[in-house]
Each structure stands twice: as C-alpha cells, then as structure tokens.
N, C-alpha and C. Protein backbone atom coordinates (compact mmCIF):
# COMPACT_ATOMS: atom_id res chain seq x y z
N MET A 1 130.30 104.40 61.52
CA MET A 1 129.31 105.31 61.70
C MET A 1 129.86 106.96 61.23
N ASN A 2 128.87 107.47 60.07
CA ASN A 2 129.58 108.93 60.03
C ASN A 2 129.50 109.68 60.94
N ARG A 3 130.10 111.41 60.96
CA ARG A 3 129.84 111.88 61.75
C ARG A 3 128.29 112.56 61.95
N ARG A 4 127.67 112.47 61.02
CA ARG A 4 126.35 113.13 60.85
C ARG A 4 125.37 112.39 61.80
N TYR A 5 125.56 110.98 61.60
CA TYR A 5 124.58 110.11 62.51
C TYR A 5 125.41 109.84 63.91
N LEU A 6 126.74 110.40 64.25
CA LEU A 6 127.11 110.37 65.61
C LEU A 6 126.57 111.45 66.20
N THR A 7 126.45 112.74 65.56
CA THR A 7 126.27 113.93 66.28
C THR A 7 124.63 113.56 66.69
N ALA A 8 123.77 113.37 65.90
CA ALA A 8 122.63 113.14 65.75
C ALA A 8 121.96 112.17 67.10
N ALA A 9 122.97 111.10 67.23
CA ALA A 9 122.43 110.09 68.23
C ALA A 9 123.29 110.47 69.59
N ALA A 10 124.18 111.59 69.88
CA ALA A 10 124.57 112.18 70.82
C ALA A 10 123.94 112.92 71.22
N PHE A 11 123.22 113.78 70.40
CA PHE A 11 122.20 114.82 70.67
C PHE A 11 120.88 114.52 71.17
N SER A 12 120.52 113.10 70.61
CA SER A 12 119.50 112.50 71.14
C SER A 12 119.70 111.97 72.75
N ALA A 13 120.51 111.48 72.72
CA ALA A 13 120.85 110.87 74.10
C ALA A 13 121.29 111.97 75.31
N LEU A 14 121.93 112.91 74.74
CA LEU A 14 121.55 114.13 75.88
C LEU A 14 120.38 115.04 76.05
N ALA A 15 119.45 114.90 75.01
CA ALA A 15 118.49 115.53 75.27
C ALA A 15 117.49 114.43 76.32
N ALA A 16 117.42 113.48 76.13
CA ALA A 16 116.48 112.34 77.04
C ALA A 16 117.17 112.84 78.10
N TYR A 17 118.51 112.68 78.63
CA TYR A 17 119.11 112.74 80.01
C TYR A 17 118.85 114.38 80.50
N SER A 18 118.81 115.00 79.49
CA SER A 18 118.75 116.68 80.41
C SER A 18 117.34 117.11 80.79
N VAL A 19 116.16 116.39 80.44
CA VAL A 19 115.12 116.87 80.89
C VAL A 19 114.55 115.93 82.03
N PRO A 20 114.46 117.06 83.26
CA PRO A 20 114.06 116.30 84.53
C PRO A 20 113.00 115.76 84.49
N ALA A 21 112.45 114.52 85.05
CA ALA A 21 111.34 114.21 85.40
C ALA A 21 110.28 114.92 86.27
N ALA A 22 109.13 115.11 85.82
CA ALA A 22 108.25 115.83 86.87
C ALA A 22 108.01 115.58 87.89
N ALA A 23 108.16 116.20 89.18
CA ALA A 23 107.84 115.26 90.46
C ALA A 23 106.53 115.52 90.78
N GLU A 24 106.58 114.16 91.24
CA GLU A 24 104.69 113.79 91.74
C GLU A 24 104.94 114.15 93.34
N THR A 25 103.48 114.44 93.82
CA THR A 25 103.14 115.03 95.29
C THR A 25 102.00 114.11 95.38
N THR A 26 102.44 113.36 96.42
CA THR A 26 101.29 112.46 97.17
C THR A 26 100.81 113.10 98.60
N TRP A 27 99.46 113.05 98.61
CA TRP A 27 98.73 113.41 100.00
C TRP A 27 97.98 112.19 100.45
N ASP A 28 98.77 111.50 101.71
CA ASP A 28 98.30 110.50 102.49
C ASP A 28 97.68 111.12 103.77
N GLN A 29 96.22 111.24 103.64
CA GLN A 29 95.41 111.58 104.92
C GLN A 29 94.33 111.97 105.04
N PRO A 30 93.69 111.70 106.07
CA PRO A 30 92.00 111.93 106.24
C PRO A 30 91.44 113.14 106.05
N GLY A 31 90.12 113.06 105.60
CA GLY A 31 89.42 114.26 105.73
C GLY A 31 87.85 113.82 105.87
N LYS A 32 86.67 115.13 105.51
CA LYS A 32 85.54 114.97 105.70
C LYS A 32 84.80 115.86 104.80
N GLY A 33 83.87 115.00 104.08
CA GLY A 33 83.00 115.75 103.31
C GLY A 33 81.75 116.30 104.14
N MET A 34 81.29 117.71 104.05
CA MET A 34 79.88 117.66 104.46
C MET A 34 78.81 118.32 103.59
N GLY A 35 77.55 118.23 103.70
CA GLY A 35 76.55 119.00 102.80
C GLY A 35 75.31 118.44 103.39
N ILE A 36 74.10 118.10 102.17
CA ILE A 36 73.15 117.74 102.06
C ILE A 36 72.90 116.72 101.20
N SER A 37 72.11 115.77 101.49
CA SER A 37 71.62 114.63 100.85
C SER A 37 70.10 114.06 100.69
N SER A 38 70.09 113.79 99.43
CA SER A 38 68.39 113.36 99.49
C SER A 38 68.41 112.06 98.64
N SER A 39 67.63 111.25 98.93
CA SER A 39 67.52 109.82 98.58
C SER A 39 65.88 109.53 97.69
N THR A 40 66.16 108.62 96.88
CA THR A 40 64.46 108.26 96.59
C THR A 40 64.63 106.83 96.99
N VAL A 41 63.99 106.46 98.12
CA VAL A 41 63.92 104.88 98.17
C VAL A 41 62.61 103.74 97.81
N THR A 42 63.05 103.09 97.01
CA THR A 42 62.02 101.98 96.59
C THR A 42 61.99 100.73 97.56
N GLU A 43 61.32 100.58 98.03
CA GLU A 43 61.10 99.41 98.90
C GLU A 43 60.91 97.91 97.88
N ILE A 44 61.34 97.07 98.15
CA ILE A 44 61.33 96.00 97.15
C ILE A 44 60.72 94.91 98.03
N ALA A 45 61.26 94.30 99.34
CA ALA A 45 60.66 93.71 100.29
C ALA A 45 61.04 93.89 101.48
N GLU A 46 60.71 93.06 102.50
CA GLU A 46 61.34 93.17 103.66
C GLU A 46 62.86 93.04 103.85
N ASN A 47 63.38 94.25 104.45
CA ASN A 47 64.78 94.13 104.02
C ASN A 47 65.63 94.60 103.09
N HIS A 48 64.96 94.87 101.95
CA HIS A 48 65.72 94.89 100.85
C HIS A 48 64.88 96.35 100.38
N MET A 49 65.81 97.07 99.59
CA MET A 49 65.20 98.18 99.13
C MET A 49 66.54 98.65 98.10
N VAL A 50 66.23 99.89 97.13
CA VAL A 50 67.06 100.31 96.22
C VAL A 50 66.91 101.82 96.41
N MET A 51 67.83 102.22 96.74
CA MET A 51 68.19 104.08 97.03
C MET A 51 68.53 104.64 95.53
N GLN A 52 68.05 105.89 95.40
CA GLN A 52 68.58 106.77 94.14
C GLN A 52 69.24 107.66 95.20
N ILE A 53 70.49 108.28 95.06
CA ILE A 53 71.08 109.14 95.92
C ILE A 53 71.44 110.41 95.25
N ARG A 54 71.47 111.50 95.88
CA ARG A 54 72.14 112.91 95.28
C ARG A 54 72.51 113.54 96.76
N SER A 55 73.94 113.50 96.56
CA SER A 55 74.39 114.38 97.84
C SER A 55 75.10 115.73 97.16
N ASP A 56 74.88 116.71 97.83
CA ASP A 56 75.27 118.26 97.41
C ASP A 56 76.62 118.50 98.76
N TYR A 57 77.63 118.30 98.04
CA TYR A 57 78.81 118.47 99.23
C TYR A 57 79.07 120.23 99.14
N GLU A 58 79.00 120.51 100.56
CA GLU A 58 79.18 122.10 100.56
C GLU A 58 80.71 122.51 100.86
N SER A 59 81.28 121.13 101.35
CA SER A 59 83.09 121.63 101.35
C SER A 59 83.51 120.20 101.88
N VAL A 60 84.62 120.04 101.49
CA VAL A 60 85.49 119.13 101.96
C VAL A 60 86.72 119.79 102.37
N GLU A 61 86.88 119.06 103.95
CA GLU A 61 87.89 119.44 104.64
C GLU A 61 89.06 118.55 105.27
N MET A 62 90.29 118.61 104.53
CA MET A 62 91.26 117.65 104.80
C MET A 62 91.83 117.87 105.86
N GLU A 63 92.42 117.01 106.36
CA GLU A 63 93.50 117.35 107.69
C GLU A 63 94.76 118.24 107.35
N ASP A 64 95.17 118.13 106.28
CA ASP A 64 96.29 119.13 105.68
C ASP A 64 95.81 120.25 104.94
N GLU A 65 95.63 120.96 105.29
CA GLU A 65 95.17 122.26 104.10
C GLU A 65 95.80 122.72 102.84
N SER A 66 97.01 121.94 102.68
CA SER A 66 97.67 122.04 101.60
C SER A 66 97.03 120.74 100.44
N HIS A 67 96.28 119.72 101.14
CA HIS A 67 95.79 118.92 100.19
C HIS A 67 94.96 119.50 99.23
N PRO A 68 95.43 118.71 97.87
CA PRO A 68 94.45 119.60 96.66
C PRO A 68 92.86 119.25 96.67
N MET A 69 92.34 118.40 97.49
CA MET A 69 90.87 118.47 97.63
C MET A 69 90.38 119.50 98.94
N GLN A 70 91.15 120.19 99.58
CA GLN A 70 90.83 121.13 100.78
C GLN A 70 89.69 122.15 100.08
N GLY A 71 88.33 122.27 100.74
CA GLY A 71 87.73 123.32 99.90
C GLY A 71 86.83 122.70 98.63
N ALA A 72 86.90 121.67 98.41
CA ALA A 72 86.36 121.37 97.07
C ALA A 72 84.56 120.99 97.56
N ALA A 73 83.69 121.16 96.58
CA ALA A 73 82.33 120.99 96.60
C ALA A 73 81.81 120.79 95.39
N GLY A 74 80.44 120.38 95.31
CA GLY A 74 80.10 119.93 94.11
C GLY A 74 79.02 118.75 94.14
N PRO A 75 78.37 118.10 93.22
CA PRO A 75 77.48 116.95 93.53
C PRO A 75 77.93 115.68 93.37
N CYS A 76 77.13 114.68 93.89
CA CYS A 76 77.51 113.28 93.70
C CYS A 76 76.18 112.75 93.36
N PHE A 77 75.98 111.90 92.54
CA PHE A 77 75.06 110.90 92.26
C PHE A 77 75.24 109.61 92.18
N GLY A 78 74.33 108.73 92.92
CA GLY A 78 74.72 107.21 92.64
C GLY A 78 73.06 106.46 92.91
N ALA A 79 73.60 105.12 92.87
CA ALA A 79 72.54 104.05 93.23
C ALA A 79 73.04 103.08 93.98
N VAL A 80 72.11 102.68 95.13
CA VAL A 80 72.61 101.69 96.24
C VAL A 80 71.26 100.94 96.23
N GLU A 81 71.77 99.15 96.23
CA GLU A 81 70.70 98.43 96.54
C GLU A 81 71.21 97.87 98.32
N VAL A 82 70.21 97.67 99.08
CA VAL A 82 70.56 97.28 100.47
C VAL A 82 69.56 96.15 100.54
N VAL A 83 70.26 94.80 100.87
CA VAL A 83 69.65 93.67 101.04
C VAL A 83 70.01 93.15 102.36
N ALA A 84 69.20 93.16 103.38
CA ALA A 84 69.72 92.76 105.22
C ALA A 84 70.61 93.24 105.49
N GLY A 85 71.11 94.77 105.21
CA GLY A 85 72.02 95.47 105.59
C GLY A 85 73.23 95.37 104.84
N ALA A 86 73.27 94.73 103.73
CA ALA A 86 74.34 94.62 102.91
C ALA A 86 74.36 95.83 101.93
N ALA A 87 75.10 96.50 101.50
CA ALA A 87 75.12 97.43 100.37
C ALA A 87 75.96 97.44 99.34
N ASP A 88 75.31 97.51 98.07
CA ASP A 88 75.91 97.61 96.73
C ASP A 88 75.77 98.59 95.94
N GLY A 89 76.74 99.48 95.22
CA GLY A 89 76.11 100.29 94.49
C GLY A 89 77.21 101.44 94.04
N THR A 90 77.16 102.22 93.49
CA THR A 90 78.24 103.17 92.85
C THR A 90 77.67 104.33 92.63
N GLY A 91 78.55 105.12 92.26
CA GLY A 91 78.21 106.71 91.81
C GLY A 91 79.36 107.56 91.11
N ILE A 92 79.13 108.56 91.35
CA ILE A 92 80.27 109.62 90.59
C ILE A 92 79.99 111.09 90.96
N CYS A 93 81.29 111.51 91.37
CA CYS A 93 81.06 112.96 91.72
C CYS A 93 81.77 113.79 90.94
N ALA A 94 81.48 115.36 90.80
CA ALA A 94 82.30 115.99 89.96
C ALA A 94 82.22 117.39 90.98
N PHE A 95 83.63 117.34 91.94
CA PHE A 95 83.62 118.53 92.56
C PHE A 95 84.57 119.80 92.09
N THR A 96 84.69 121.00 92.31
CA THR A 96 85.22 122.20 92.25
C THR A 96 86.17 122.40 92.97
N ASP A 97 87.40 122.28 92.77
CA ASP A 97 88.45 122.64 93.96
C ASP A 97 88.46 124.03 94.12
N SER A 98 88.96 124.62 95.22
CA SER A 98 89.40 126.12 95.62
C SER A 98 90.09 126.79 94.31
N ALA A 99 90.92 126.22 93.60
CA ALA A 99 91.47 126.92 92.73
C ALA A 99 90.58 126.75 91.16
N GLY A 100 89.50 126.28 91.08
CA GLY A 100 88.58 126.39 90.06
C GLY A 100 88.62 125.10 89.47
N ASP A 101 89.43 124.25 89.49
CA ASP A 101 89.74 123.03 88.80
C ASP A 101 88.58 121.93 88.98
N THR A 102 88.39 121.08 88.25
CA THR A 102 87.07 120.01 88.44
C THR A 102 87.81 118.37 88.67
N VAL A 103 87.36 117.81 89.54
CA VAL A 103 88.11 116.58 89.72
C VAL A 103 86.58 115.44 89.88
N VAL A 104 86.96 114.48 89.03
CA VAL A 104 86.05 113.51 88.89
C VAL A 104 86.20 112.37 89.67
N LEU A 105 85.62 111.85 90.81
CA LEU A 105 85.76 110.88 91.75
C LEU A 105 84.78 109.76 91.18
N HIS A 106 84.65 108.65 91.46
CA HIS A 106 83.99 107.12 91.38
C HIS A 106 84.17 106.81 92.95
N TRP A 107 82.61 106.38 93.36
CA TRP A 107 82.74 105.43 94.65
C TRP A 107 82.09 104.33 94.28
N THR A 108 82.40 103.54 95.16
CA THR A 108 81.64 102.10 95.17
C THR A 108 81.00 101.83 96.77
N ALA A 109 79.91 101.62 96.55
CA ALA A 109 79.66 101.35 98.02
C ALA A 109 79.80 99.68 98.03
N LYS A 110 80.25 99.38 99.80
CA LYS A 110 80.60 98.12 99.81
C LYS A 110 79.88 97.43 101.13
N GLY A 111 79.05 98.33 101.55
CA GLY A 111 78.30 97.71 102.99
C GLY A 111 77.94 99.39 103.75
N MET A 112 77.40 98.79 104.93
CA MET A 112 76.80 99.64 105.94
C MET A 112 77.56 98.96 107.31
N ASP A 113 77.77 100.42 107.93
CA ASP A 113 78.10 99.86 109.30
C ASP A 113 77.33 100.04 110.26
N GLY A 114 77.42 99.64 111.64
CA GLY A 114 76.48 99.49 112.64
C GLY A 114 75.68 101.04 112.99
N SER A 115 76.13 101.85 112.61
CA SER A 115 75.56 103.19 112.50
C SER A 115 74.90 103.56 111.43
N GLY A 116 74.92 102.62 110.62
CA GLY A 116 74.01 103.26 109.28
C GLY A 116 74.86 103.76 108.27
N ALA A 117 75.83 104.11 108.69
CA ALA A 117 76.63 104.85 107.54
C ALA A 117 77.08 103.94 106.00
N LEU A 118 76.87 104.67 105.20
CA LEU A 118 77.25 103.92 103.99
C LEU A 118 78.55 103.92 103.58
N THR A 119 79.63 102.62 103.74
CA THR A 119 81.06 102.38 103.61
C THR A 119 81.43 101.64 102.10
N GLY A 120 82.53 102.29 101.87
CA GLY A 120 82.98 101.87 100.75
C GLY A 120 84.36 102.49 100.22
N ASP A 121 84.59 102.42 98.73
CA ASP A 121 85.96 103.12 98.27
C ASP A 121 85.49 104.08 97.16
N TRP A 122 86.56 104.91 96.77
CA TRP A 122 86.39 106.09 96.03
C TRP A 122 87.58 106.01 95.20
N GLU A 123 87.67 106.63 94.00
CA GLU A 123 88.93 106.74 93.19
C GLU A 123 88.74 107.85 92.34
N VAL A 124 89.98 108.62 92.23
CA VAL A 124 89.94 109.76 91.27
C VAL A 124 89.85 108.83 89.80
N SER A 125 89.17 109.94 88.87
CA SER A 125 89.47 109.43 87.39
C SER A 125 89.63 110.34 86.36
N GLY A 126 89.81 111.85 86.83
CA GLY A 126 90.43 112.66 85.89
C GLY A 126 89.93 113.76 86.19
N GLY A 127 89.55 114.84 85.37
CA GLY A 127 89.36 116.20 85.64
C GLY A 127 89.62 117.10 84.59
N THR A 128 90.09 118.39 85.20
CA THR A 128 90.45 119.62 84.56
C THR A 128 91.67 120.13 85.37
N GLY A 129 92.85 120.92 84.73
CA GLY A 129 94.02 121.39 85.25
C GLY A 129 94.81 120.27 86.01
N LYS A 130 95.38 120.42 87.25
CA LYS A 130 95.84 119.55 88.07
C LYS A 130 95.31 118.36 87.88
N TRP A 131 94.00 117.75 87.89
CA TRP A 131 93.60 116.77 88.05
C TRP A 131 93.63 115.43 86.75
N GLN A 132 93.94 116.28 85.68
CA GLN A 132 93.96 115.65 84.28
C GLN A 132 94.70 114.29 84.78
N GLU A 133 95.87 114.34 85.32
CA GLU A 133 96.71 113.23 85.34
C GLU A 133 96.75 112.72 86.84
N ALA A 134 95.85 112.99 87.60
CA ALA A 134 95.94 112.58 88.98
C ALA A 134 95.08 111.24 89.39
N LYS A 135 95.89 110.66 90.28
CA LYS A 135 95.61 109.26 90.82
C LYS A 135 95.26 109.21 91.95
N GLY A 136 94.93 107.72 92.43
CA GLY A 136 94.39 107.62 93.73
C GLY A 136 93.03 107.68 94.10
N GLY A 137 92.62 107.62 95.65
CA GLY A 137 91.63 107.44 96.20
C GLY A 137 91.52 107.06 97.48
N GLY A 138 90.59 106.16 97.98
CA GLY A 138 90.51 105.97 99.28
C GLY A 138 89.41 105.00 99.90
N GLU A 139 89.16 105.42 100.77
CA GLU A 139 87.63 104.60 101.88
C GLU A 139 86.93 105.78 102.14
N PHE A 140 85.57 105.22 102.15
CA PHE A 140 84.46 106.57 102.66
C PHE A 140 83.84 105.62 104.03
N SER A 141 83.06 106.76 104.74
CA SER A 141 82.01 106.23 105.53
C SER A 141 81.14 107.52 105.64
N SER A 142 79.94 107.30 105.04
CA SER A 142 79.08 108.48 104.91
C SER A 142 77.79 108.26 105.64
N LEU A 143 77.47 109.12 106.79
CA LEU A 143 76.54 109.12 107.68
C LEU A 143 75.73 110.06 107.34
N THR A 144 74.19 110.11 107.03
CA THR A 144 73.36 110.92 106.89
C THR A 144 72.03 111.12 107.80
N ASP A 145 71.66 112.08 108.19
CA ASP A 145 70.69 112.37 109.34
C ASP A 145 69.64 112.25 108.52
N PRO A 146 68.77 111.21 108.62
CA PRO A 146 67.48 110.97 107.85
C PRO A 146 66.24 112.09 107.85
N SER A 147 66.34 112.68 109.01
CA SER A 147 65.53 113.90 109.44
C SER A 147 65.79 115.11 108.71
N SER A 148 66.91 115.47 108.77
CA SER A 148 67.59 116.75 107.97
C SER A 148 68.10 116.86 106.50
N GLY A 149 68.77 115.51 106.50
CA GLY A 149 69.30 115.24 105.11
C GLY A 149 70.84 115.56 105.13
N GLN A 150 71.45 116.44 106.21
CA GLN A 150 72.70 116.53 106.40
C GLN A 150 73.67 115.32 106.56
N PHE A 151 74.58 115.41 105.90
CA PHE A 151 75.45 114.25 106.32
C PHE A 151 77.09 114.75 106.63
N VAL A 152 77.79 113.84 106.77
CA VAL A 152 79.16 113.86 106.99
C VAL A 152 79.84 112.51 106.34
N ASN A 153 80.86 112.99 105.65
CA ASN A 153 81.52 111.63 104.98
C ASN A 153 83.02 111.78 105.32
N THR A 154 83.26 110.62 105.99
CA THR A 154 84.59 110.71 106.67
C THR A 154 85.47 109.59 105.52
N ILE A 155 86.46 110.45 104.96
CA ILE A 155 87.10 109.51 104.20
C ILE A 155 88.89 109.48 104.53
N THR A 156 89.57 108.38 103.99
CA THR A 156 90.85 108.56 103.80
C THR A 156 91.43 108.62 102.42
N SER A 157 92.55 109.41 102.12
CA SER A 157 92.59 109.54 100.80
C SER A 157 94.48 109.25 100.78
N SER A 158 94.80 108.83 99.33
CA SER A 158 96.11 108.80 98.82
C SER A 158 95.85 109.41 97.27
N VAL A 159 96.23 110.64 97.49
CA VAL A 159 95.99 111.14 96.40
C VAL A 159 97.42 111.56 95.58
N THR A 160 97.57 111.65 94.16
CA THR A 160 99.16 111.83 93.76
C THR A 160 98.58 112.59 92.27
N LEU A 161 99.18 113.78 92.66
CA LEU A 161 99.37 114.73 91.33
C LEU A 161 100.78 114.86 90.73
N PRO A 162 100.94 114.91 89.48
CA PRO A 162 101.89 115.19 88.79
C PRO A 162 102.71 116.80 88.99
C-alpha cells in the first residue's frame, strides 16, 4: 500500500474514533396532565357509542421537574369507539414544552377502567428542537368530569432524548 493511501486510511480511522457519541438521557417517571376536554358522542346502540374527543392540556406536571415534558401544554384530538365498556381508538397531540419546542404524541385507547377513565398507551413520534430525535412513551389513564369537562390524565413515561 503506498504512503498516500496508508495516511488516508489512518486519518479516517482516527476520525471515526475521535468523535464521541452523543449522550442520551432517559426520564422514567410518572406525571399528569390537566385541562378541559369536550366530546361529541354518537349513540349507536345500547352500550355502543362513538366519541370524537378534543382535549386542551393546560399543563403537564412530571414527578421530576427536569423532565422535558414538564410544563408542556397543547391540544389532543381523537376518536374512540366504546362497546360494552371496552374502548378502541386513536389520537394525536401537539404539545409545546416550556422551552418552546413542539412534541407530537400518538395515543391508542385500550379500554376503560372501573372509574370510567379511558386507558391506553402513548408514544412520542417527533417534533421540533430536542424532540426531533426523541423516542419513548408510556401508558395513560384519563378521567374526565362530564359536568365540567375538566380532566386529569395520569401517565407513566420512559422518554429518551439524544
């Protein structure tokens, strides 16, 4: 191998090893979101309905205040079918966090618990700034007071940012 190719190969190898990998940070903790929800309910039959849901989150409060979702707020939209107490549906949220970045979350309804709370899973799908490469999600249990529309959504989270 001539000297020019050997030097290029050595430089390439050094460059690959001299760039440190970006450190990821993961937050594993519970939290809750609060706000006002409104639904349009279409009765299909006895114990069968379809709901169009809009929830406006006023604030997300996480157990650890350094969690990137702490203080986030914004709208969620979705549709859920409820048959004999079993729920199935999906939706999407666009929250603005306290730093001004937007995180997009997708949620999937899996059921309803004994209190009438909608339960399921949620997942980060991207966003702006620090949320572009974020990953993770968790579970939710969202209970709405039908007379006032106020809700509390209790969540678990495992969110990783690069």
